[in-house]
């Protein structure tokens, strides 16, 4: 093991399906990672214990970090590092995550919304390098947007910009955020099974049907699963067109599902978006994350790199 020349960072990429704890550097290099299933049934304390133990393991091998970065879904108060009941993390109600991690590891901790952290990662190290106006959509278990506008991370007046998953795209459809037809219910990992049951209520879908199951069935030419993917992709393209017309970005980057199944989603997304947008907005590129399986890890590192003003490359 060679000692890194750049400041060492521990990153926590916390999701409703999996949690990745990584050790990396301020140049965006992931040195090691430990991936765990998110045991949401154990509540915050159970997950926190498992995450902290994984971090201890990495620290014992690589040394103590200069900072900790966290990428996690909202709603949350990024300034105070308080997590306010994300839908995919039951029991995480008003959790002072930043303070708990600072007490545990005695280093500065920076907590960022996963969509904004993803936008930073793609802007600094991935598919959006060199761009000044970028939109990143998580497109994983949930759906959220992170935005780089005019070369700066956009957070909004109260820090809640980018909560697009609750947009009501249709008066009918599967439900998320208590809204039938919400964008997350139509175009996300958690939404795909709901969409399948909405479109095909008479199909005997398995109780534990997942997005990966539907993607696998679609690849095997299952007609129902293929239509679910097509409908989801069309709604995704429709929503992206609205974002493009509003913000006029140079590039829209899609996360998780676009990396694993971009061949199924992206052609439809691009076709629908091109049909819906106006004028030179058609020049906006829609691409999958360039960071692959480590995108979430790099996003967590970026929370510390940017907010902790650690050294990183110029975008």
Protein backbone atom coordinates (compact mmCIF):
# COMPACT_ATOMS: atom_id res chain seq x y z
CA UNK A 1 0.00 0.00 0.00
CA UNK A 2 1.39 3.39 -1.05
CA UNK A 3 0.46 6.38 1.05
CA UNK A 4 -1.76 8.77 -0.96
CA UNK A 5 -0.29 12.18 -1.84
CA UNK A 6 -3.71 13.88 -1.69
CA UNK A 7 -5.80 14.44 1.48
CA UNK A 8 -7.57 11.28 2.63
CA UNK A 9 -11.37 11.25 2.81
CA UNK A 10 -13.91 8.74 4.10
CA UNK A 11 -17.10 8.80 2.07
CA UNK A 12 -20.54 7.48 2.98
CA UNK A 13 -22.92 6.97 0.05
CA UNK A 14 -26.17 6.14 1.84
CA UNK A 15 -29.16 4.83 -0.08
CA UNK A 16 -32.34 2.92 0.55
CA UNK A 17 -31.02 -0.22 -1.13
CA UNK A 18 -27.28 -0.17 -0.45
CA UNK A 19 -24.73 1.85 1.46
CA UNK A 20 -21.15 2.18 0.31
CA UNK A 21 -18.35 3.29 2.63
CA UNK A 22 -15.24 4.34 0.77
CA UNK A 23 -11.76 5.64 1.36
CA UNK A 24 -10.50 8.06 -1.29
CA UNK A 25 -8.53 11.18 -1.99
CA UNK A 26 -9.24 14.77 -2.97
CA UNK A 27 -8.29 14.04 -6.59
CA UNK A 28 -11.34 11.79 -6.88
CA UNK A 29 -9.52 8.47 -6.52
CA UNK A 30 -11.37 5.69 -4.69
CA UNK A 31 -8.76 3.60 -2.88
CA UNK A 32 -11.07 1.06 -1.27
CA UNK A 33 -14.78 0.56 -0.64
CA UNK A 34 -17.06 -1.62 1.44
CA UNK A 35 -20.61 -2.07 0.14
CA UNK A 36 -23.40 -3.11 2.49
CA UNK A 37 -27.07 -3.78 2.02
CA UNK A 38 -28.96 -0.93 3.67
CA UNK A 39 -30.60 -2.69 6.62
CA UNK A 40 -33.42 -0.18 6.82
CA UNK A 41 -35.37 -2.46 9.15
CA UNK A 42 -32.74 -1.80 11.85
CA UNK A 43 -33.46 1.93 11.82
CA UNK A 44 -30.83 4.63 12.06
CA UNK A 45 -28.85 3.16 14.94
CA UNK A 46 -28.43 -0.22 13.29
CA UNK A 47 -27.31 1.29 9.99
CA UNK A 48 -25.05 3.82 11.69
CA UNK A 49 -23.26 1.07 13.62
CA UNK A 50 -22.63 -0.95 10.47
CA UNK A 51 -21.43 2.11 8.54
CA UNK A 52 -19.10 3.21 11.32
CA UNK A 53 -17.60 -0.27 11.63
CA UNK A 54 -16.89 -0.32 7.89
CA UNK A 55 -15.21 3.09 8.18
CA UNK A 56 -13.10 1.82 11.09
CA UNK A 57 -11.92 -1.05 8.90
CA UNK A 58 -10.85 1.32 6.12
CA UNK A 59 -9.17 3.71 8.55
CA UNK A 60 -7.16 0.88 10.10
CA UNK A 61 -5.74 0.12 6.64
CA UNK A 62 -5.33 3.60 5.14
CA UNK A 63 -5.01 5.92 8.11
CA UNK A 64 -7.13 8.68 9.64
CA UNK A 65 -8.96 10.93 7.16
CA UNK A 66 -8.75 14.69 6.85
CA UNK A 67 -12.53 14.84 6.41
CA UNK A 68 -15.71 12.83 5.89
CA UNK A 69 -18.17 13.35 3.05
CA UNK A 70 -21.74 12.05 2.97
CA UNK A 71 -24.07 11.65 -0.01
CA UNK A 72 -27.67 10.90 1.02
CA UNK A 73 -31.19 11.43 -0.29
CA UNK A 74 -33.36 14.24 1.02
CA UNK A 75 -35.09 15.92 2.55
CA UNK A 76 -32.21 17.17 4.67
CA UNK A 77 -30.59 20.31 6.06
CA UNK A 78 -27.17 20.24 4.44
CA UNK A 79 -25.80 23.14 6.49
CA UNK A 80 -26.55 21.43 9.80
CA UNK A 81 -26.25 17.88 8.47
CA UNK A 82 -29.69 16.87 9.77
CA UNK A 83 -31.66 14.18 7.91
CA UNK A 84 -35.43 14.71 7.79
CA UNK A 85 -37.28 11.46 7.07
CA UNK A 86 -36.16 10.39 3.58
CA UNK A 87 -38.83 8.09 2.13
CA UNK A 88 -36.31 5.31 1.51
CA UNK A 89 -34.79 5.45 5.01
CA UNK A 90 -37.62 4.83 7.51
CA UNK A 91 -36.84 5.98 11.03
CA UNK A 92 -34.28 8.58 9.97
CA UNK A 93 -36.35 11.36 11.51
CA UNK A 94 -34.47 14.58 12.41
CA UNK A 95 -31.19 12.65 12.62
CA UNK A 96 -28.15 14.87 13.37
CA UNK A 97 -25.92 12.79 11.11
CA UNK A 98 -23.10 15.33 10.80
CA UNK A 99 -22.77 15.70 14.57
CA UNK A 100 -22.94 11.95 15.16
CA UNK A 101 -20.15 11.34 12.65
CA UNK A 102 -18.05 14.21 14.04
CA UNK A 103 -18.41 12.80 17.56
CA UNK A 104 -17.46 9.32 16.31
CA UNK A 105 -14.46 10.21 14.12
CA UNK A 106 -13.31 13.67 15.31
CA UNK A 107 -12.88 15.18 11.82
CA UNK A 108 -14.91 17.71 9.81
CA UNK A 109 -18.03 16.19 8.20
CA UNK A 110 -19.85 17.51 5.13
CA UNK A 111 -23.33 16.21 4.28
CA UNK A 112 -24.82 16.77 0.83
CA UNK A 113 -27.97 15.72 -0.99
CA UNK A 114 -27.15 12.74 -3.20
CA UNK A 115 -28.31 14.49 -6.38
CA UNK A 116 -26.18 17.56 -5.71
CA UNK A 117 -23.21 15.41 -4.70
CA UNK A 118 -23.68 13.45 -7.94
CA UNK A 119 -23.75 16.68 -9.93
CA UNK A 120 -20.47 17.73 -8.32
CA UNK A 121 -18.90 14.35 -9.07
CA UNK A 122 -19.85 14.41 -12.75
CA UNK A 123 -18.80 18.07 -13.05
CA UNK A 124 -15.41 17.59 -11.42
CA UNK A 125 -14.52 14.10 -12.62
CA UNK A 126 -17.13 12.66 -14.98
CA UNK A 127 -19.39 13.25 -17.97
CA UNK A 128 -19.90 16.98 -17.33
CA UNK A 129 -16.27 18.10 -17.06
CA UNK A 130 -15.78 21.46 -18.77
CA UNK A 131 -19.48 22.39 -18.67
CA UNK A 132 -20.87 25.40 -16.81
CA UNK A 133 -24.53 24.37 -16.79
CA UNK A 134 -25.26 20.80 -15.75
CA UNK A 135 -28.25 18.84 -14.46
CA UNK A 136 -27.69 15.48 -12.79
CA UNK A 137 -30.59 13.11 -12.09
CA UNK A 138 -29.98 10.32 -9.59
CA UNK A 139 -32.28 7.87 -11.43
CA UNK A 140 -31.65 5.20 -8.80
CA UNK A 141 -33.95 3.99 -6.04
CA UNK A 142 -35.37 7.52 -6.10
CA UNK A 143 -35.28 10.50 -8.46
CA UNK A 144 -33.70 13.83 -7.53
CA UNK A 145 -31.89 16.58 -9.42
CA UNK A 146 -28.57 18.29 -8.74
CA UNK A 147 -27.70 21.41 -10.69
CA UNK A 148 -24.52 23.27 -11.57
CA UNK A 149 -25.66 26.63 -12.97
CA UNK A 150 -23.19 29.20 -14.21
CA UNK A 151 -20.36 27.09 -12.82
CA UNK A 152 -21.77 27.00 -9.28
CA UNK A 153 -23.75 24.44 -7.32
CA UNK A 154 -27.37 25.58 -7.11
CA UNK A 155 -29.11 24.88 -3.80
CA UNK A 156 -32.03 27.32 -3.79
CA UNK A 157 -33.30 29.78 -1.19
CA UNK A 158 -33.86 27.15 1.51
CA UNK A 159 -31.47 24.48 0.23
CA UNK A 160 -34.28 22.38 -1.21
CA UNK A 161 -33.74 22.88 -4.95
CA UNK A 162 -33.91 19.75 -7.09
CA UNK A 163 -36.70 17.83 -5.37
CA UNK A 164 -38.22 16.82 -8.71
CA UNK A 165 -39.31 13.30 -7.74
CA UNK A 166 -42.60 14.56 -6.31
CA UNK A 167 -43.59 16.40 -9.51
CA UNK A 168 -47.04 15.23 -10.57
CA UNK A 169 -46.51 14.23 -14.19
CA UNK A 170 -49.97 12.72 -14.66
CA UNK A 171 -53.28 12.71 -12.83
CA UNK A 172 -53.19 8.92 -12.99
CA UNK A 173 -50.48 6.39 -12.31
CA UNK A 174 -48.56 4.78 -9.47
CA UNK A 175 -48.01 6.75 -6.31
CA UNK A 176 -44.99 8.24 -4.55
CA UNK A 177 -44.84 11.14 -2.11
CA UNK A 178 -48.58 10.63 -1.63
CA UNK A 179 -49.20 11.68 -5.24
CA UNK A 180 -50.56 9.48 -8.00
CA UNK A 181 -48.58 10.04 -11.18
CA UNK A 182 -45.51 11.50 -9.47
CA UNK A 183 -42.29 11.47 -11.48
CA UNK A 184 -40.44 9.21 -9.03
CA UNK A 185 -43.23 6.65 -9.20
CA UNK A 186 -42.98 6.65 -12.99
CA UNK A 187 -39.21 6.85 -13.49
CA UNK A 188 -37.07 5.40 -10.72
CA UNK A 189 -35.89 2.09 -9.33
CA UNK A 190 -38.54 2.10 -6.63
CA UNK A 191 -41.13 3.29 -9.13
CA UNK A 192 -40.66 0.61 -11.78
CA UNK A 193 -42.38 -2.18 -9.81
CA UNK A 194 -45.23 0.21 -8.96
CA UNK A 195 -45.56 1.13 -12.60
CA UNK A 196 -45.60 -2.54 -13.60
CA UNK A 197 -48.46 -3.27 -11.20
CA UNK A 198 -50.32 -0.16 -12.38
CA UNK A 199 -50.02 -1.04 -16.07
CA UNK A 200 -50.61 -4.78 -15.59
CA UNK A 201 -52.71 -5.30 -12.44
CA UNK A 202 -53.70 -8.80 -13.54
CA UNK A 203 -50.14 -10.10 -13.93
CA UNK A 204 -48.96 -12.26 -11.02
CA UNK A 205 -45.86 -10.15 -10.33
CA UNK A 206 -43.71 -11.52 -7.47
CA UNK A 207 -44.15 -9.74 -4.15
CA UNK A 208 -40.49 -8.70 -4.13
CA UNK A 209 -40.44 -7.49 -7.73
CA UNK A 210 -37.52 -5.10 -8.27
CA UNK A 211 -36.24 -2.79 -10.97
CA UNK A 212 -33.46 -5.26 -11.71
CA UNK A 213 -36.04 -8.03 -12.16
CA UNK A 214 -37.94 -5.92 -14.68
CA UNK A 215 -34.76 -4.99 -16.54
CA UNK A 216 -33.80 -8.65 -16.72
CA UNK A 217 -37.24 -9.61 -17.99
CA UNK A 218 -37.11 -6.85 -20.59
CA UNK A 219 -33.73 -8.09 -21.82
CA UNK A 220 -35.32 -11.54 -22.13
CA UNK A 221 -38.01 -9.98 -24.37
CA UNK A 222 -40.84 -10.25 -21.86
CA UNK A 223 -43.57 -8.11 -23.44
CA UNK A 224 -45.03 -6.68 -20.23
CA UNK A 225 -41.66 -5.81 -18.69
CA UNK A 226 -40.48 -4.28 -21.97
CA UNK A 227 -43.52 -2.01 -22.08
CA UNK A 228 -42.96 -0.97 -18.44
CA UNK A 229 -39.41 0.12 -19.34
CA UNK A 230 -40.62 1.97 -22.45
CA UNK A 231 -43.33 3.84 -20.55
CA UNK A 232 -40.92 4.73 -17.74
CA UNK A 233 -38.31 5.97 -20.22
CA UNK A 234 -40.89 8.08 -22.04
CA UNK A 235 -41.94 9.78 -18.80
CA UNK A 236 -38.29 10.33 -17.95
CA UNK A 237 -37.70 12.00 -21.32
CA UNK A 238 -40.81 14.12 -20.88
CA UNK A 239 -39.64 15.43 -17.50
CA UNK A 240 -36.10 16.02 -18.72
CA UNK A 241 -37.49 18.11 -21.60
CA UNK A 242 -39.16 20.40 -19.06
CA UNK A 243 -35.89 20.77 -17.16
CA UNK A 244 -33.99 21.51 -20.37
CA UNK A 245 -36.45 24.17 -21.49
CA UNK A 246 -36.35 25.78 -18.03
CA UNK A 247 -32.58 25.77 -17.39
CA UNK A 248 -30.98 25.42 -20.85
CA UNK A 249 -28.15 23.18 -19.61
CA UNK A 250 -25.30 21.91 -21.75
CA UNK A 251 -25.70 18.36 -20.50
CA UNK A 252 -28.09 16.21 -18.46
CA UNK A 253 -26.37 13.29 -16.74
CA UNK A 254 -28.36 10.25 -15.58
CA UNK A 255 -27.22 8.07 -12.71
CA UNK A 256 -27.62 4.46 -11.61
CA UNK A 257 -30.23 2.88 -13.89
CA UNK A 258 -28.83 4.62 -16.97
CA UNK A 259 -25.42 3.12 -16.23
CA UNK A 260 -26.79 -0.42 -15.81
CA UNK A 261 -29.50 -0.30 -18.48
CA UNK A 262 -28.81 2.72 -20.64
CA UNK A 263 -29.39 0.70 -23.80
CA UNK A 264 -33.01 0.20 -22.73
CA UNK A 265 -33.72 3.72 -21.49
CA UNK A 266 -31.54 6.27 -23.26
CA UNK A 267 -32.75 5.94 -26.88
CA UNK A 268 -36.34 6.54 -25.77
CA UNK A 269 -35.39 9.30 -23.32
CA UNK A 270 -33.45 11.16 -26.00
CA UNK A 271 -36.15 10.75 -28.63
CA UNK A 272 -38.93 12.03 -26.37
CA UNK A 273 -36.85 14.93 -25.04
CA UNK A 274 -35.84 16.00 -28.56
CA UNK A 275 -39.49 15.97 -29.59
CA UNK A 276 -40.62 18.04 -26.60
CA UNK A 277 -37.93 20.73 -26.22
CA UNK A 278 -37.78 23.90 -28.25
CA UNK A 279 -35.15 25.62 -30.41
CA UNK A 280 -31.48 25.30 -29.57
CA UNK A 281 -32.33 23.44 -26.38
CA UNK A 282 -32.14 20.37 -28.61
CA UNK A 283 -28.36 20.79 -28.45
CA UNK A 284 -28.37 19.62 -24.81
CA UNK A 285 -26.70 16.22 -24.45
CA UNK A 286 -28.37 13.49 -22.37
CA UNK A 287 -25.80 10.96 -21.19
CA UNK A 288 -25.23 8.26 -18.60
CA UNK A 289 -22.83 8.83 -15.72
CA UNK A 290 -19.21 8.34 -16.76
CA UNK A 291 -18.16 7.22 -13.28
CA UNK A 292 -19.64 3.71 -13.35
CA UNK A 293 -20.04 1.68 -10.19
CA UNK A 294 -18.00 4.16 -8.12
CA UNK A 295 -20.18 7.18 -8.97
CA UNK A 296 -21.81 7.22 -5.52
CA UNK A 297 -18.46 6.85 -3.79
CA UNK A 298 -16.97 9.76 -5.74
CA UNK A 299 -20.11 11.80 -5.03
CA UNK A 300 -19.61 11.26 -1.29
CA UNK A 301 -15.95 12.28 -1.59
CA UNK A 302 -17.04 15.41 -3.48
CA UNK A 303 -19.19 16.55 -0.57
CA UNK A 304 -15.97 16.95 1.37
CA UNK A 305 -13.77 18.02 -1.57
CA UNK A 306 -16.01 20.97 -2.46
CA UNK A 307 -17.48 22.05 0.87
CA UNK A 308 -14.27 21.34 2.77
CA UNK A 309 -12.29 23.19 0.10
CA UNK A 310 -9.90 20.30 -0.30
CA UNK A 311 -7.80 20.18 -3.42
CA UNK A 312 -9.53 18.91 -6.56
CA UNK A 313 -9.13 19.42 -10.29
CA UNK A 314 -10.58 22.42 -12.04
CA UNK A 315 -13.82 21.52 -13.84
